[in-house]
Amino acid sequence: MKNENKLKIVLGIIYLSILTGFLLLFFSHFSFEDFSSFQLIKNNRDKLNDLKNSNLLITSILFFIGVIIWVMLLGFGAPVFLVGGFVFGKWIGTLLIVFGLSVGATLLYVTVNYFFKDFIEKKFSHRFSNLTDKFKKNEFTFFLIYRFVGGIPFFISNILPTLFNVKIKNFFFGTIIGMTPQLFVGASLGAGLNKIIENNEEPPEIIDIIFTSDIYIPIIGMIVLLLVGLLIKKNFYK
């Protein structure tokens, strides 16, 4: 038992070291200007399109693997659906994002469940004890609702199921089905931003962006999903 605990500590330290190294590497190569300059974004967009069009299969595989690593190391998915839609469009982008996030989230869940289960139970069990019985009654259905409703940071939502001992297959397929609607809307928004940048040499006014159908339709979709999620959440967490 002591040797097993020591192994968990060593592997946990290795994981945290990799995470820290990744963050340092990422922010040493990118600055805020890279994400705020319209011309830089437009130039990089053209390069990404050329790379994608030259070999769609390899680019898709690299992006898919990158999403898995991103989720495993950082634990959140917010930028991913925008980038996926921006580069690959809403259809292929959604497919890559859904499966990439689902695989990454499942691997993160398995990792945390093995190394940090005791820590998670100590920190969160008293706050979410009311959900335990719900998961026991119908694990897949309630995990599906849990994923669809959201409202919890992605990293936290991936590790909380360790409290309920959710089966890996239920976690994986529940994540795919439950998150697809919101990820499709997010990918559509990313694809819309790509189209705006393609059609404009200079940054358009914010009002023009908002009232572009490729932008306001996904935003309306997000609002609808949010309202539906709030209605379900009201009963689910009651």
C-alpha atoms as a PDB file:
ATOM      1  CA  MET A   1       0.000   0.000   0.000  1.00  0.00           C
ATOM      2  CA  LYS A   2       2.830   2.396   0.925  1.00  0.00           C
ATOM      3  CA  ASN A   3       4.650   1.654  -2.339  1.00  0.00           C
ATOM      4  CA  GLU A   4       1.428   2.268  -4.286  1.00  0.00           C
ATOM      5  CA  ASN A   5       0.939   5.627  -2.565  1.00  0.00           C
ATOM      6  CA  LYS A   6       4.538   6.586  -3.301  1.00  0.00           C
ATOM      7  CA  LEU A   7       4.041   5.674  -6.967  1.00  0.00           C
ATOM      8  CA  LYS A   8       0.898   7.832  -7.124  1.00  0.00           C
ATOM      9  CA  ILE A   9       2.778  10.759  -5.581  1.00  0.00           C
ATOM     10  CA  VAL A  10       5.673  10.414  -8.042  1.00  0.00           C
ATOM     11  CA  LEU A  11       3.361  10.139 -11.058  1.00  0.00           C
ATOM     12  CA  GLY A  12       1.273  13.045  -9.772  1.00  0.00           C
ATOM     13  CA  ILE A  13       4.410  15.200  -9.491  1.00  0.00           C
ATOM     14  CA  ILE A  14       5.409  14.204 -13.020  1.00  0.00           C
ATOM     15  CA  TYR A  15       1.951  15.197 -14.292  1.00  0.00           C
ATOM     16  CA  LEU A  16       2.113  18.592 -12.564  1.00  0.00           C
ATOM     17  CA  SER A  17       5.644  19.142 -13.885  1.00  0.00           C
ATOM     18  CA  ILE A  18       4.508  18.424 -17.441  1.00  0.00           C
ATOM     19  CA  LEU A  19       1.584  20.819 -16.983  1.00  0.00           C
ATOM     20  CA  THR A  20       3.858  23.577 -15.675  1.00  0.00           C
ATOM     21  CA  GLY A  21       6.326  23.046 -18.527  1.00  0.00           C
ATOM     22  CA  PHE A  22       3.537  23.182 -21.096  1.00  0.00           C
ATOM     23  CA  LEU A  23       2.199  26.471 -19.698  1.00  0.00           C
ATOM     24  CA  LEU A  24       5.669  28.047 -19.666  1.00  0.00           C
ATOM     25  CA  LEU A  25       6.327  26.880 -23.231  1.00  0.00           C
ATOM     26  CA  PHE A  26       2.944  28.124 -24.472  1.00  0.00           C
ATOM     27  CA  PHE A  27       3.197  31.605 -22.992  1.00  0.00           C
ATOM     28  CA  SER A  28       6.827  32.000 -24.013  1.00  0.00           C
ATOM     29  CA  HIS A  29       5.834  31.598 -27.682  1.00  0.00           C
ATOM     30  CA  PHE A  30       2.574  33.586 -27.693  1.00  0.00           C
ATOM     31  CA  SER A  31       1.769  37.084 -26.504  1.00  0.00           C
ATOM     32  CA  PHE A  32      -1.493  38.952 -26.056  1.00  0.00           C
ATOM     33  CA  GLU A  33      -0.762  40.745 -29.341  1.00  0.00           C
ATOM     34  CA  ASP A  34      -1.007  37.444 -31.197  1.00  0.00           C
ATOM     35  CA  PHE A  35      -4.654  37.175 -30.146  1.00  0.00           C
ATOM     36  CA  SER A  36      -5.646  40.862 -30.352  1.00  0.00           C
ATOM     37  CA  SER A  37      -4.151  42.024 -33.675  1.00  0.00           C
ATOM     38  CA  PHE A  38      -6.620  41.654 -36.543  1.00  0.00           C
ATOM     39  CA  GLN A  39      -3.845  41.523 -39.144  1.00  0.00           C
ATOM     40  CA  LEU A  40      -1.905  38.857 -37.264  1.00  0.00           C
ATOM     41  CA  ILE A  41      -5.074  36.773 -36.909  1.00  0.00           C
ATOM     42  CA  LYS A  42      -5.844  37.205 -40.606  1.00  0.00           C
ATOM     43  CA  ASN A  43      -2.313  36.214 -41.657  1.00  0.00           C
ATOM     44  CA  ASN A  44      -2.322  33.186 -39.370  1.00  0.00           C
ATOM     45  CA  ARG A  45      -5.776  32.270 -40.637  1.00  0.00           C
ATOM     46  CA  ASP A  46      -4.459  32.193 -44.218  1.00  0.00           C
ATOM     47  CA  LYS A  47      -1.529  30.008 -43.149  1.00  0.00           C
ATOM     48  CA  LEU A  48      -3.852  27.621 -41.294  1.00  0.00           C
ATOM     49  CA  ASN A  49      -6.132  27.369 -44.322  1.00  0.00           C
ATOM     50  CA  ASP A  50      -3.188  26.607 -46.606  1.00  0.00           C
ATOM     51  CA  LEU A  51      -1.953  23.955 -44.184  1.00  0.00           C
ATOM     52  CA  LYS A  52      -5.412  22.413 -43.841  1.00  0.00           C
ATOM     53  CA  ASN A  53      -6.070  22.389 -47.587  1.00  0.00           C
ATOM     54  CA  SER A  54      -2.697  20.811 -48.347  1.00  0.00           C
ATOM     55  CA  ASN A  55      -3.471  17.741 -46.238  1.00  0.00           C
ATOM     56  CA  LEU A  56      -6.808  17.677 -44.455  1.00  0.00           C
ATOM     57  CA  LEU A  57      -6.327  14.190 -42.968  1.00  0.00           C
ATOM     58  CA  ILE A  58      -2.980  14.868 -41.281  1.00  0.00           C
ATOM     59  CA  THR A  59      -4.106  18.303 -40.071  1.00  0.00           C
ATOM     60  CA  SER A  60      -7.266  16.784 -38.600  1.00  0.00           C
ATOM     61  CA  ILE A  61      -5.312  14.051 -36.813  1.00  0.00           C
ATOM     62  CA  LEU A  62      -2.844  16.575 -35.378  1.00  0.00           C
ATOM     63  CA  PHE A  63      -5.676  18.804 -34.187  1.00  0.00           C
ATOM     64  CA  PHE A  64      -7.488  15.819 -32.669  1.00  0.00           C
ATOM     65  CA  ILE A  65      -4.370  14.766 -30.749  1.00  0.00           C
ATOM     66  CA  GLY A  66      -3.747  18.397 -29.750  1.00  0.00           C
ATOM     67  CA  VAL A  67      -7.247  18.679 -28.279  1.00  0.00           C
ATOM     68  CA  ILE A  68      -6.701  15.526 -26.208  1.00  0.00           C
ATOM     69  CA  ILE A  69      -3.386  16.825 -24.866  1.00  0.00           C
ATOM     70  CA  TRP A  70      -4.893  20.269 -24.207  1.00  0.00           C
ATOM     71  CA  VAL A  71      -7.706  18.807 -22.114  1.00  0.00           C
ATOM     72  CA  MET A  72      -5.387  16.398 -20.320  1.00  0.00           C
ATOM     73  CA  LEU A  73      -2.961  19.149 -19.351  1.00  0.00           C
ATOM     74  CA  LEU A  74      -5.146  22.207 -18.877  1.00  0.00           C
ATOM     75  CA  GLY A  75      -8.556  20.672 -18.352  1.00  0.00           C
ATOM     76  CA  PHE A  76     -10.700  23.278 -20.096  1.00  0.00           C
ATOM     77  CA  GLY A  77     -12.303  23.316 -23.531  1.00  0.00           C
ATOM     78  CA  ALA A  78     -13.536  26.868 -24.146  1.00  0.00           C
ATOM     79  CA  PRO A  79     -10.946  27.925 -26.788  1.00  0.00           C
ATOM     80  CA  VAL A  80     -11.055  24.546 -28.512  1.00  0.00           C
ATOM     81  CA  PHE A  81     -14.524  24.734 -30.081  1.00  0.00           C
ATOM     82  CA  LEU A  82     -13.796  28.224 -31.475  1.00  0.00           C
ATOM     83  CA  VAL A  83     -10.469  27.134 -32.954  1.00  0.00           C
ATOM     84  CA  GLY A  84     -11.956  23.920 -34.360  1.00  0.00           C
ATOM     85  CA  GLY A  85     -14.812  25.755 -36.045  1.00  0.00           C
ATOM     86  CA  PHE A  86     -12.480  28.526 -37.187  1.00  0.00           C
ATOM     87  CA  VAL A  87     -10.050  26.149 -38.898  1.00  0.00           C
ATOM     88  CA  PHE A  88     -12.206  23.214 -40.029  1.00  0.00           C
ATOM     89  CA  GLY A  89     -15.706  24.687 -40.316  1.00  0.00           C
ATOM     90  CA  LYS A  90     -18.726  23.814 -38.241  1.00  0.00           C
ATOM     91  CA  TRP A  91     -19.263  20.223 -39.469  1.00  0.00           C
ATOM     92  CA  ILE A  92     -15.762  18.715 -39.494  1.00  0.00           C
ATOM     93  CA  GLY A  93     -14.820  21.026 -36.629  1.00  0.00           C
ATOM     94  CA  THR A  94     -17.676  19.751 -34.467  1.00  0.00           C
ATOM     95  CA  LEU A  95     -16.741  16.128 -35.174  1.00  0.00           C
ATOM     96  CA  LEU A  96     -13.088  16.671 -34.222  1.00  0.00           C
ATOM     97  CA  ILE A  97     -13.943  18.764 -31.163  1.00  0.00           C
ATOM     98  CA  VAL A  98     -16.579  16.380 -29.801  1.00  0.00           C
ATOM     99  CA  PHE A  99     -14.405  13.281 -30.030  1.00  0.00           C
ATOM    100  CA  GLY A 100     -11.191  15.085 -29.051  1.00  0.00           C
ATOM    101  CA  LEU A 101     -12.741  16.616 -25.943  1.00  0.00           C
ATOM    102  CA  SER A 102     -14.502  13.360 -25.052  1.00  0.00           C
ATOM    103  CA  VAL A 103     -11.325  11.287 -25.289  1.00  0.00           C
ATOM    104  CA  GLY A 104      -9.286  13.911 -23.427  1.00  0.00           C
ATOM    105  CA  ALA A 105     -11.919  14.314 -20.717  1.00  0.00           C
ATOM    106  CA  THR A 106     -12.182  10.534 -20.270  1.00  0.00           C
ATOM    107  CA  LEU A 107      -8.411  10.142 -19.962  1.00  0.00           C
ATOM    108  CA  LEU A 108      -8.343  13.008 -17.450  1.00  0.00           C
ATOM    109  CA  TYR A 109     -11.157  11.375 -15.483  1.00  0.00           C
ATOM    110  CA  VAL A 110      -9.322   8.040 -15.396  1.00  0.00           C
ATOM    111  CA  THR A 111      -6.077   9.760 -14.343  1.00  0.00           C
ATOM    112  CA  VAL A 112      -7.700  11.774 -11.552  1.00  0.00           C
ATOM    113  CA  ASN A 113      -9.761   8.790 -10.432  1.00  0.00           C
ATOM    114  CA  TYR A 114      -6.572   6.795  -9.946  1.00  0.00           C
ATOM    115  CA  PHE A 115      -4.211   9.413  -8.499  1.00  0.00           C
ATOM    116  CA  PHE A 116      -6.383  11.992  -6.747  1.00  0.00           C
ATOM    117  CA  LYS A 117      -9.650  10.244  -5.830  1.00  0.00           C
ATOM    118  CA  ASP A 118      -9.124  10.604  -2.069  1.00  0.00           C
ATOM    119  CA  PHE A 119      -8.276  14.283  -2.429  1.00  0.00           C
ATOM    120  CA  ILE A 120     -11.372  14.974  -4.581  1.00  0.00           C
ATOM    121  CA  GLU A 121     -13.638  13.173  -2.130  1.00  0.00           C
ATOM    122  CA  LYS A 122     -12.196  15.171   0.760  1.00  0.00           C
ATOM    123  CA  LYS A 123     -12.695  18.504  -0.989  1.00  0.00           C
ATOM    124  CA  PHE A 124     -16.014  18.033  -2.783  1.00  0.00           C
ATOM    125  CA  SER A 125     -18.002  15.103  -1.356  1.00  0.00           C
ATOM    126  CA  HIS A 126     -19.936  17.206   1.172  1.00  0.00           C
ATOM    127  CA  ARG A 127     -20.937  19.748  -1.503  1.00  0.00           C
ATOM    128  CA  PHE A 128     -22.300  17.237  -4.020  1.00  0.00           C
ATOM    129  CA  SER A 129     -23.607  14.470  -1.793  1.00  0.00           C
ATOM    130  CA  ASN A 130     -27.160  15.225  -3.007  1.00  0.00           C
ATOM    131  CA  LEU A 131     -26.226  13.971  -6.480  1.00  0.00           C
ATOM    132  CA  THR A 132     -24.996  10.567  -5.347  1.00  0.00           C
ATOM    133  CA  ASP A 133     -28.451   8.996  -5.173  1.00  0.00           C
ATOM    134  CA  LYS A 134     -29.382  10.423  -8.580  1.00  0.00           C
ATOM    135  CA  PHE A 135     -26.372   8.827 -10.218  1.00  0.00           C
ATOM    136  CA  LYS A 136     -27.045   5.500  -8.493  1.00  0.00           C
ATOM    137  CA  LYS A 137     -30.615   5.369  -9.858  1.00  0.00           C
ATOM    138  CA  ASN A 138     -29.666   5.791 -13.521  1.00  0.00           C
ATOM    139  CA  GLU A 139     -26.020   6.584 -14.001  1.00  0.00           C
ATOM    140  CA  PHE A 140     -25.950   7.151 -17.761  1.00  0.00           C
ATOM    141  CA  THR A 141     -29.116   9.283 -17.925  1.00  0.00           C
ATOM    142  CA  PHE A 142     -28.064  11.548 -15.093  1.00  0.00           C
ATOM    143  CA  PHE A 143     -24.518  11.875 -16.374  1.00  0.00           C
ATOM    144  CA  LEU A 144     -25.957  12.802 -19.777  1.00  0.00           C
ATOM    145  CA  ILE A 145     -28.051  15.520 -18.110  1.00  0.00           C
ATOM    146  CA  TYR A 146     -25.016  16.572 -16.073  1.00  0.00           C
ATOM    147  CA  ARG A 147     -23.028  17.100 -19.280  1.00  0.00           C
ATOM    148  CA  PHE A 148     -25.810  18.875 -21.136  1.00  0.00           C
ATOM    149  CA  VAL A 149     -26.686  21.226 -18.285  1.00  0.00           C
ATOM    150  CA  GLY A 150     -23.094  22.295 -17.700  1.00  0.00           C
ATOM    151  CA  GLY A 151     -22.612  25.357 -15.532  1.00  0.00           C
ATOM    152  CA  ILE A 152     -19.456  23.887 -13.987  1.00  0.00           C
ATOM    153  CA  PRO A 153     -15.940  24.658 -15.288  1.00  0.00           C
ATOM    154  CA  PHE A 154     -14.900  21.912 -17.700  1.00  0.00           C
ATOM    155  CA  PHE A 155     -11.951  20.776 -15.594  1.00  0.00           C
ATOM    156  CA  ILE A 156     -14.137  20.429 -12.472  1.00  0.00           C
ATOM    157  CA  SER A 157     -16.911  18.684 -14.417  1.00  0.00           C
ATOM    158  CA  ASN A 158     -14.390  16.071 -15.558  1.00  0.00           C
ATOM    159  CA  ILE A 159     -13.129  15.225 -12.086  1.00  0.00           C
ATOM    160  CA  LEU A 160     -16.342  15.431 -10.016  1.00  0.00           C
ATOM    161  CA  PRO A 161     -17.685  12.110 -11.406  1.00  0.00           C
ATOM    162  CA  THR A 162     -14.962  10.387  -9.377  1.00  0.00           C
ATOM    163  CA  LEU A 163     -17.293  11.030  -6.421  1.00  0.00           C
ATOM    164  CA  PHE A 164     -19.987   8.892  -8.053  1.00  0.00           C
ATOM    165  CA  ASN A 165     -17.744   6.164  -9.529  1.00  0.00           C
ATOM    166  CA  VAL A 166     -19.159   6.741 -13.008  1.00  0.00           C
ATOM    167  CA  LYS A 167     -18.325   3.896 -15.392  1.00  0.00           C
ATOM    168  CA  ILE A 168     -15.801   4.839 -18.068  1.00  0.00           C
ATOM    169  CA  LYS A 169     -18.128   3.904 -20.955  1.00  0.00           C
ATOM    170  CA  ASN A 170     -20.948   5.992 -19.461  1.00  0.00           C
ATOM    171  CA  PHE A 171     -18.565   8.892 -18.973  1.00  0.00           C
ATOM    172  CA  PHE A 172     -17.310   8.709 -22.564  1.00  0.00           C
ATOM    173  CA  PHE A 173     -20.623   8.284 -24.385  1.00  0.00           C
ATOM    174  CA  GLY A 174     -22.440  10.630 -22.012  1.00  0.00           C
ATOM    175  CA  THR A 175     -19.853  13.294 -22.783  1.00  0.00           C
ATOM    176  CA  ILE A 176     -20.229  12.808 -26.542  1.00  0.00           C
ATOM    177  CA  ILE A 177     -24.022  12.986 -26.566  1.00  0.00           C
ATOM    178  CA  GLY A 178     -24.450  15.568 -23.816  1.00  0.00           C
ATOM    179  CA  MET A 179     -21.903  18.080 -25.144  1.00  0.00           C
ATOM    180  CA  THR A 180     -22.534  17.828 -28.892  1.00  0.00           C
ATOM    181  CA  PRO A 181     -25.280  20.531 -29.048  1.00  0.00           C
ATOM    182  CA  GLN A 182     -23.218  23.208 -27.297  1.00  0.00           C
ATOM    183  CA  LEU A 183     -20.028  22.255 -29.146  1.00  0.00           C
ATOM    184  CA  PHE A 184     -21.808  22.474 -32.503  1.00  0.00           C
ATOM    185  CA  VAL A 185     -23.022  25.966 -31.639  1.00  0.00           C
ATOM    186  CA  GLY A 186     -19.503  26.951 -30.530  1.00  0.00           C
ATOM    187  CA  ALA A 187     -17.931  25.539 -33.712  1.00  0.00           C
ATOM    188  CA  SER A 188     -20.509  27.437 -35.790  1.00  0.00           C
ATOM    189  CA  LEU A 189     -19.460  30.634 -34.034  1.00  0.00           C
ATOM    190  CA  GLY A 190     -15.805  29.915 -34.813  1.00  0.00           C
ATOM    191  CA  ALA A 191     -16.656  29.240 -38.470  1.00  0.00           C
ATOM    192  CA  GLY A 192     -18.573  32.524 -38.569  1.00  0.00           C
ATOM    193  CA  LEU A 193     -15.557  34.441 -37.257  1.00  0.00           C
ATOM    194  CA  ASN A 194     -13.421  32.825 -39.958  1.00  0.00           C
ATOM    195  CA  LYS A 195     -15.853  34.020 -42.629  1.00  0.00           C
ATOM    196  CA  ILE A 196     -15.847  37.569 -41.277  1.00  0.00           C
ATOM    197  CA  ILE A 197     -12.044  37.719 -41.310  1.00  0.00           C
ATOM    198  CA  GLU A 198     -11.986  36.288 -44.837  1.00  0.00           C
ATOM    199  CA  ASN A 199     -14.397  38.948 -46.136  1.00  0.00           C
ATOM    200  CA  ASN A 200     -12.781  41.959 -44.451  1.00  0.00           C
ATOM    201  CA  GLU A 201      -9.368  43.532 -44.941  1.00  0.00           C
ATOM    202  CA  GLU A 202      -9.846  45.785 -41.910  1.00  0.00           C
ATOM    203  CA  PRO A 203     -11.444  44.887 -38.560  1.00  0.00           C
ATOM    204  CA  PRO A 204     -15.222  45.473 -38.824  1.00  0.00           C
ATOM    205  CA  GLU A 205     -17.236  47.322 -36.208  1.00  0.00           C
ATOM    206  CA  ILE A 206     -18.487  45.201 -33.344  1.00  0.00           C
ATOM    207  CA  ILE A 207     -22.098  45.997 -34.253  1.00  0.00           C
ATOM    208  CA  ASP A 208     -21.500  44.712 -37.805  1.00  0.00           C
ATOM    209  CA  ILE A 209     -20.051  41.490 -36.397  1.00  0.00           C
ATOM    210  CA  ILE A 210     -22.972  40.913 -34.041  1.00  0.00           C
ATOM    211  CA  PHE A 211     -25.583  41.429 -36.758  1.00  0.00           C
ATOM    212  CA  THR A 212     -23.907  39.011 -39.171  1.00  0.00           C
ATOM    213  CA  SER A 213     -26.057  35.884 -39.523  1.00  0.00           C
ATOM    214  CA  ASP A 214     -23.000  33.625 -39.072  1.00  0.00           C
ATOM    215  CA  ILE A 215     -22.545  35.211 -35.641  1.00  0.00           C
ATOM    216  CA  TYR A 216     -25.978  36.053 -34.260  1.00  0.00           C
ATOM    217  CA  ILE A 217     -27.514  32.670 -35.117  1.00  0.00           C
ATOM    218  CA  PRO A 218     -24.929  30.722 -33.024  1.00  0.00           C
ATOM    219  CA  ILE A 219     -25.313  33.315 -30.246  1.00  0.00           C
ATOM    220  CA  ILE A 220     -29.083  32.763 -30.257  1.00  0.00           C
ATOM    221  CA  GLY A 221     -28.377  29.021 -30.185  1.00  0.00           C
ATOM    222  CA  MET A 222     -26.170  29.493 -27.122  1.00  0.00           C
ATOM    223  CA  ILE A 223     -28.881  31.499 -25.368  1.00  0.00           C
ATOM    224  CA  VAL A 224     -31.491  28.824 -26.131  1.00  0.00           C
ATOM    225  CA  LEU A 225     -29.222  26.058 -24.827  1.00  0.00           C
ATOM    226  CA  LEU A 226     -28.484  28.135 -21.733  1.00  0.00           C
ATOM    227  CA  LEU A 227     -32.194  28.621 -21.000  1.00  0.00           C
ATOM    228  CA  VAL A 228     -32.976  24.943 -21.566  1.00  0.00           C
ATOM    229  CA  GLY A 229     -30.031  24.016 -19.363  1.00  0.00           C
ATOM    230  CA  LEU A 230     -31.254  26.326 -16.588  1.00  0.00           C
ATOM    231  CA  LEU A 231     -34.719  24.754 -16.687  1.00  0.00           C
ATOM    232  CA  ILE A 232     -33.283  21.252 -16.480  1.00  0.00           C
ATOM    233  CA  LYS A 233     -30.785  22.316 -13.828  1.00  0.00           C
ATOM    234  CA  LYS A 234     -33.582  23.665 -11.646  1.00  0.00           C
ATOM    235  CA  ASN A 235     -35.016  20.151 -11.326  1.00  0.00           C
ATOM    236  CA  PHE A 236     -31.780  18.182 -11.644  1.00  0.00           C
ATOM    237  CA  TYR A 237     -29.984  19.887  -8.734  1.00  0.00           C
ATOM    238  CA  LYS A 238     -33.095  20.427  -6.611  1.00  0.00           C
END
